[in-house]
Amino acid sequence: MVFYIYKDKAGEWRWFLKSSNGNKIADSAEGYFSKKHCLDAIGLVMDTNRATPYYEV
């Protein structure tokens, strides 16, 4: 999997995650004022990935 970062039309930083087959599997759902904040958000996703529970609904 690979994270990608980019600036949207409003000038905000966003990220998305692609799986090894190239499908987009997650995105930031919000823009960030700075590249650092965007990278910090990616770090949170990476840190919680294995510890995050799932719920069947």
PDB file of N, CA and C in Angstrom:
ATOM      1  N   MET A   1       0.839  -1.178   0.000  1.00  0.00           N
ATOM      2  CA  MET A   1       0.000   0.000   0.000  1.00  0.00           C
ATOM      3  C   MET A   1       0.883   1.240   0.000  1.00  0.00           C
ATOM      4  N   VAL A   2       0.338   2.292  -0.591  1.00  0.00           N
ATOM      5  CA  VAL A   2       1.092   3.544  -0.712  1.00  0.00           C
ATOM      6  C   VAL A   2       0.165   4.724  -0.438  1.00  0.00           C
ATOM      7  N   PHE A   3       0.632   5.678   0.369  1.00  0.00           N
ATOM      8  CA  PHE A   3      -0.070   6.935   0.576  1.00  0.00           C
ATOM      9  C   PHE A   3       0.374   7.931  -0.487  1.00  0.00           C
ATOM     10  N   TYR A   4      -0.558   8.727  -0.974  1.00  0.00           N
ATOM     11  CA  TYR A   4      -0.274   9.813  -1.907  1.00  0.00           C
ATOM     12  C   TYR A   4      -0.796  11.097  -1.285  1.00  0.00           C
ATOM     13  N   ILE A   5      -0.054  12.193  -1.439  1.00  0.00           N
ATOM     14  CA  ILE A   5      -0.521  13.494  -0.964  1.00  0.00           C
ATOM     15  C   ILE A   5      -0.591  14.444  -2.151  1.00  0.00           C
ATOM     16  N   TYR A   6      -1.517  15.402  -2.062  1.00  0.00           N
ATOM     17  CA  TYR A   6      -1.691  16.366  -3.146  1.00  0.00           C
ATOM     18  C   TYR A   6      -2.409  17.595  -2.609  1.00  0.00           C
ATOM     19  N   LYS A   7      -2.330  18.676  -3.364  1.00  0.00           N
ATOM     20  CA  LYS A   7      -3.070  19.897  -3.049  1.00  0.00           C
ATOM     21  C   LYS A   7      -4.330  19.917  -3.910  1.00  0.00           C
ATOM     22  N   ASP A   8      -5.469  20.174  -3.275  1.00  0.00           N
ATOM     23  CA  ASP A   8      -6.720  20.235  -4.023  1.00  0.00           C
ATOM     24  C   ASP A   8      -6.916  21.631  -4.626  1.00  0.00           C
ATOM     25  N   LYS A   9      -8.040  21.829  -5.308  1.00  0.00           N
ATOM     26  CA  LYS A   9      -8.306  23.105  -5.982  1.00  0.00           C
ATOM     27  C   LYS A   9      -8.411  24.277  -5.013  1.00  0.00           C
ATOM     28  N   ALA A  10      -8.764  23.998  -3.765  1.00  0.00           N
ATOM     29  CA  ALA A  10      -8.868  25.048  -2.743  1.00  0.00           C
ATOM     30  C   ALA A  10      -7.524  25.345  -2.082  1.00  0.00           C
ATOM     31  N   GLY A  11      -6.476  24.614  -2.489  1.00  0.00           N
ATOM     32  CA  GLY A  11      -5.154  24.831  -1.921  1.00  0.00           C
ATOM     33  C   GLY A  11      -4.895  24.077  -0.634  1.00  0.00           C
ATOM     34  N   GLU A  12      -5.785  23.143  -0.291  1.00  0.00           N
ATOM     35  CA  GLU A  12      -5.599  22.351   0.922  1.00  0.00           C
ATOM     36  C   GLU A  12      -4.925  21.024   0.584  1.00  0.00           C
ATOM     37  N   TRP A  13      -4.164  20.511   1.537  1.00  0.00           N
ATOM     38  CA  TRP A  13      -3.473  19.236   1.367  1.00  0.00           C
ATOM     39  C   TRP A  13      -4.409  18.088   1.718  1.00  0.00           C
ATOM     40  N   ARG A  14      -4.360  17.036   0.924  1.00  0.00           N
ATOM     41  CA  ARG A  14      -5.167  15.837   1.140  1.00  0.00           C
ATOM     42  C   ARG A  14      -4.308  14.610   0.894  1.00  0.00           C
ATOM     43  N   TRP A  15      -4.780  13.470   1.381  1.00  0.00           N
ATOM     44  CA  TRP A  15      -4.076  12.216   1.137  1.00  0.00           C
ATOM     45  C   TRP A  15      -5.071  11.150   0.694  1.00  0.00           C
ATOM     46  N   PHE A  16      -4.554  10.149  -0.008  1.00  0.00           N
ATOM     47  CA  PHE A  16      -5.326   8.942  -0.259  1.00  0.00           C
ATOM     48  C   PHE A  16      -4.387   7.754  -0.228  1.00  0.00           C
ATOM     49  N   LEU A  17      -4.959   6.589  -0.022  1.00  0.00           N
ATOM     50  CA  LEU A  17      -4.205   5.348   0.123  1.00  0.00           C
ATOM     51  C   LEU A  17      -4.618   4.396  -0.983  1.00  0.00           C
ATOM     52  N   LYS A  18      -3.627   3.842  -1.680  1.00  0.00           N
ATOM     53  CA  LYS A  18      -3.890   2.860  -2.729  1.00  0.00           C
ATOM     54  C   LYS A  18      -3.336   1.510  -2.310  1.00  0.00           C
ATOM     55  N   SER A  19      -4.083   0.468  -2.632  1.00  0.00           N
ATOM     56  CA  SER A  19      -3.628  -0.895  -2.361  1.00  0.00           C
ATOM     57  C   SER A  19      -2.623  -1.309  -3.424  1.00  0.00           C
ATOM     58  N   SER A  20      -2.045  -2.469  -3.249  1.00  0.00           N
ATOM     59  CA  SER A  20      -1.027  -2.944  -4.191  1.00  0.00           C
ATOM     60  C   SER A  20      -1.599  -3.189  -5.588  1.00  0.00           C
ATOM     61  N   ASN A  21      -2.919  -3.361  -5.707  1.00  0.00           N
ATOM     62  CA  ASN A  21      -3.512  -3.548  -7.034  1.00  0.00           C
ATOM     63  C   ASN A  21      -3.927  -2.226  -7.675  1.00  0.00           C
ATOM     64  N   GLY A  22      -3.623  -1.110  -7.010  1.00  0.00           N
ATOM     65  CA  GLY A  22      -3.886   0.209  -7.571  1.00  0.00           C
ATOM     66  C   GLY A  22      -5.236   0.807  -7.220  1.00  0.00           C
ATOM     67  N   ASN A  23      -6.059   0.072  -6.484  1.00  0.00           N
ATOM     68  CA  ASN A  23      -7.360   0.604  -6.082  1.00  0.00           C
ATOM     69  C   ASN A  23      -7.218   1.565  -4.913  1.00  0.00           C
ATOM     70  N   LYS A  24      -7.946   2.664  -4.979  1.00  0.00           N
ATOM     71  CA  LYS A  24      -7.986   3.627  -3.882  1.00  0.00           C
ATOM     72  C   LYS A  24      -8.848   3.039  -2.777  1.00  0.00           C
ATOM     73  N   ILE A  25      -8.279   2.895  -1.578  1.00  0.00           N
ATOM     74  CA  ILE A  25      -9.015   2.241  -0.499  1.00  0.00           C
ATOM     75  C   ILE A  25      -9.326   3.163   0.681  1.00  0.00           C
ATOM     76  N   ALA A  26      -8.743   4.358   0.715  1.00  0.00           N
ATOM     77  CA  ALA A  26      -9.036   5.310   1.791  1.00  0.00           C
ATOM     78  C   ALA A  26      -8.610   6.700   1.350  1.00  0.00           C
ATOM     79  N   ASP A  27      -9.235   7.716   1.960  1.00  0.00           N
ATOM     80  CA  ASP A  27      -8.795   9.090   1.714  1.00  0.00           C
ATOM     81  C   ASP A  27      -9.003   9.933   2.959  1.00  0.00           C
ATOM     82  N   SER A  28      -8.467  11.139   2.923  1.00  0.00           N
ATOM     83  CA  SER A  28      -8.476  11.995   4.107  1.00  0.00           C
ATOM     84  C   SER A  28      -9.860  12.529   4.457  1.00  0.00           C
ATOM     85  N   ALA A  29     -10.756  12.624   3.514  1.00  0.00           N
ATOM     86  CA  ALA A  29     -12.118  13.134   3.723  1.00  0.00           C
ATOM     87  C   ALA A  29     -12.163  14.602   4.149  1.00  0.00           C
ATOM     88  N   GLU A  30     -11.020  15.208   4.362  1.00  0.00           N
ATOM     89  CA  GLU A  30     -10.950  16.635   4.666  1.00  0.00           C
ATOM     90  C   GLU A  30      -9.601  17.161   4.214  1.00  0.00           C
ATOM     91  N   GLY A  31      -9.546  18.476   3.984  1.00  0.00           N
ATOM     92  CA  GLY A  31      -8.300  19.097   3.595  1.00  0.00           C
ATOM     93  C   GLY A  31      -7.537  19.613   4.800  1.00  0.00           C
ATOM     94  N   TYR A  32      -6.223  19.747   4.639  1.00  0.00           N
ATOM     95  CA  TYR A  32      -5.352  20.244   5.704  1.00  0.00           C
ATOM     96  C   TYR A  32      -4.664  21.512   5.228  1.00  0.00           C
ATOM     97  N   PHE A  33      -4.535  22.464   6.137  1.00  0.00           N
ATOM     98  CA  PHE A  33      -3.941  23.761   5.825  1.00  0.00           C
ATOM     99  C   PHE A  33      -2.481  23.636   5.400  1.00  0.00           C
ATOM    100  N   SER A  34      -1.756  22.705   6.002  1.00  0.00           N
ATOM    101  CA  SER A  34      -0.333  22.573   5.687  1.00  0.00           C
ATOM    102  C   SER A  34       0.014  21.133   5.324  1.00  0.00           C
ATOM    103  N   LYS A  35       1.093  20.995   4.607  1.00  0.00           N
ATOM    104  CA  LYS A  35       1.598  19.670   4.245  1.00  0.00           C
ATOM    105  C   LYS A  35       1.952  18.886   5.505  1.00  0.00           C
ATOM    106  N   LYS A  36       2.513  19.570   6.500  1.00  0.00           N
ATOM    107  CA  LYS A  36       2.878  18.908   7.755  1.00  0.00           C
ATOM    108  C   LYS A  36       1.657  18.288   8.428  1.00  0.00           C
ATOM    109  N   HIS A  37       0.544  19.018   8.473  1.00  0.00           N
ATOM    110  CA  HIS A  37      -0.672  18.481   9.087  1.00  0.00           C
ATOM    111  C   HIS A  37      -1.192  17.278   8.307  1.00  0.00           C
ATOM    112  N   CYS A  38      -1.066  17.320   7.001  1.00  0.00           N
ATOM    113  CA  CYS A  38      -1.462  16.187   6.171  1.00  0.00           C
ATOM    114  C   CYS A  38      -0.596  14.968   6.493  1.00  0.00           C
ATOM    115  N   LEU A  39       0.708  15.171   6.575  1.00  0.00           N
ATOM    116  CA  LEU A  39       1.621  14.072   6.904  1.00  0.00           C
ATOM    117  C   LEU A  39       1.390  13.565   8.331  1.00  0.00           C
ATOM    118  N   ASP A  40       1.057  14.466   9.247  1.00  0.00           N
ATOM    119  CA  ASP A  40       0.725  14.049  10.615  1.00  0.00           C
ATOM    120  C   ASP A  40      -0.505  13.142  10.620  1.00  0.00           C
ATOM    121  N   ALA A  41      -1.500  13.478   9.802  1.00  0.00           N
ATOM    122  CA  ALA A  41      -2.711  12.657   9.711  1.00  0.00           C
ATOM    123  C   ALA A  41      -2.385  11.273   9.159  1.00  0.00           C
ATOM    124  N   ILE A  42      -1.518  11.212   8.165  1.00  0.00           N
ATOM    125  CA  ILE A  42      -1.081   9.915   7.638  1.00  0.00           C
ATOM    126  C   ILE A  42      -0.402   9.121   8.747  1.00  0.00           C
ATOM    127  N   GLY A  43       0.414   9.790   9.542  1.00  0.00           N
ATOM    128  CA  GLY A  43       1.086   9.128  10.658  1.00  0.00           C
ATOM    129  C   GLY A  43       0.100   8.526  11.646  1.00  0.00           C
ATOM    130  N   LEU A  44      -0.997   9.238  11.918  1.00  0.00           N
ATOM    131  CA  LEU A  44      -2.022   8.705  12.816  1.00  0.00           C
ATOM    132  C   LEU A  44      -2.653   7.443  12.244  1.00  0.00           C
ATOM    133  N   VAL A  45      -2.921   7.454  10.950  1.00  0.00           N
ATOM    134  CA  VAL A  45      -3.484   6.263  10.299  1.00  0.00           C
ATOM    135  C   VAL A  45      -2.501   5.106  10.396  1.00  0.00           C
ATOM    136  N   MET A  46      -1.249   5.380  10.138  1.00  0.00           N
ATOM    137  CA  MET A  46      -0.229   4.331  10.192  1.00  0.00           C
ATOM    138  C   MET A  46      -0.074   3.789  11.616  1.00  0.00           C
ATOM    139  N   ASP A  47      -0.109   4.666  12.609  1.00  0.00           N
ATOM    140  CA  ASP A  47       0.057   4.247  14.006  1.00  0.00           C
ATOM    141  C   ASP A  47      -1.104   3.401  14.510  1.00  0.00           C
ATOM    142  N   THR A  48      -2.305   3.715  14.080  1.00  0.00           N
ATOM    143  CA  THR A  48      -3.481   3.012  14.591  1.00  0.00           C
ATOM    144  C   THR A  48      -3.914   1.835  13.732  1.00  0.00           C
ATOM    145  N   ASN A  49      -3.286   1.642  12.605  1.00  0.00           N
ATOM    146  CA  ASN A  49      -3.734   0.625  11.654  1.00  0.00           C
ATOM    147  C   ASN A  49      -3.885  -0.753  12.285  1.00  0.00           C
ATOM    148  N   ARG A  50      -2.871  -1.265  12.939  1.00  0.00           N
ATOM    149  CA  ARG A  50      -2.929  -2.611  13.506  1.00  0.00           C
ATOM    150  C   ARG A  50      -3.758  -2.678  14.783  1.00  0.00           C
ATOM    151  N   ALA A  51      -3.840  -1.567  15.491  1.00  0.00           N
ATOM    152  CA  ALA A  51      -4.543  -1.566  16.770  1.00  0.00           C
ATOM    153  C   ALA A  51      -6.021  -1.194  16.637  1.00  0.00           C
ATOM    154  N   THR A  52      -6.440  -0.747  15.465  1.00  0.00           N
ATOM    155  CA  THR A  52      -7.808  -0.289  15.284  1.00  0.00           C
ATOM    156  C   THR A  52      -8.770  -1.469  15.203  1.00  0.00           C
ATOM    157  N   PRO A  53      -9.788  -1.481  16.060  1.00  0.00           N
ATOM    158  CA  PRO A  53     -10.746  -2.588  16.012  1.00  0.00           C
ATOM    159  C   PRO A  53     -11.702  -2.436  14.833  1.00  0.00           C
ATOM    160  N   TYR A  54     -12.407  -3.500  14.535  1.00  0.00           N
ATOM    161  CA  TYR A  54     -13.472  -3.415  13.550  1.00  0.00           C
ATOM    162  C   TYR A  54     -14.755  -3.913  14.200  1.00  0.00           C
ATOM    163  N   TYR A  55     -15.866  -3.450  13.674  1.00  0.00           N
ATOM    164  CA  TYR A  55     -17.169  -3.842  14.196  1.00  0.00           C
ATOM    165  C   TYR A  55     -18.034  -4.330  13.045  1.00  0.00           C
ATOM    166  N   GLU A  56     -18.705  -5.428  13.256  1.00  0.00           N
ATOM    167  CA  GLU A  56     -19.661  -5.922  12.266  1.00  0.00           C
ATOM    168  C   GLU A  56     -21.008  -5.303  12.585  1.00  0.00           C
ATOM    169  N   VAL A  57     -21.638  -4.702  11.584  1.00  0.00           N
ATOM    170  CA  VAL A  57     -22.943  -4.065  11.799  1.00  0.00           C
ATOM    171  C   VAL A  57     -23.990  -4.644  10.879  1.00  0.00           C
TER     172      VAL A  57
END
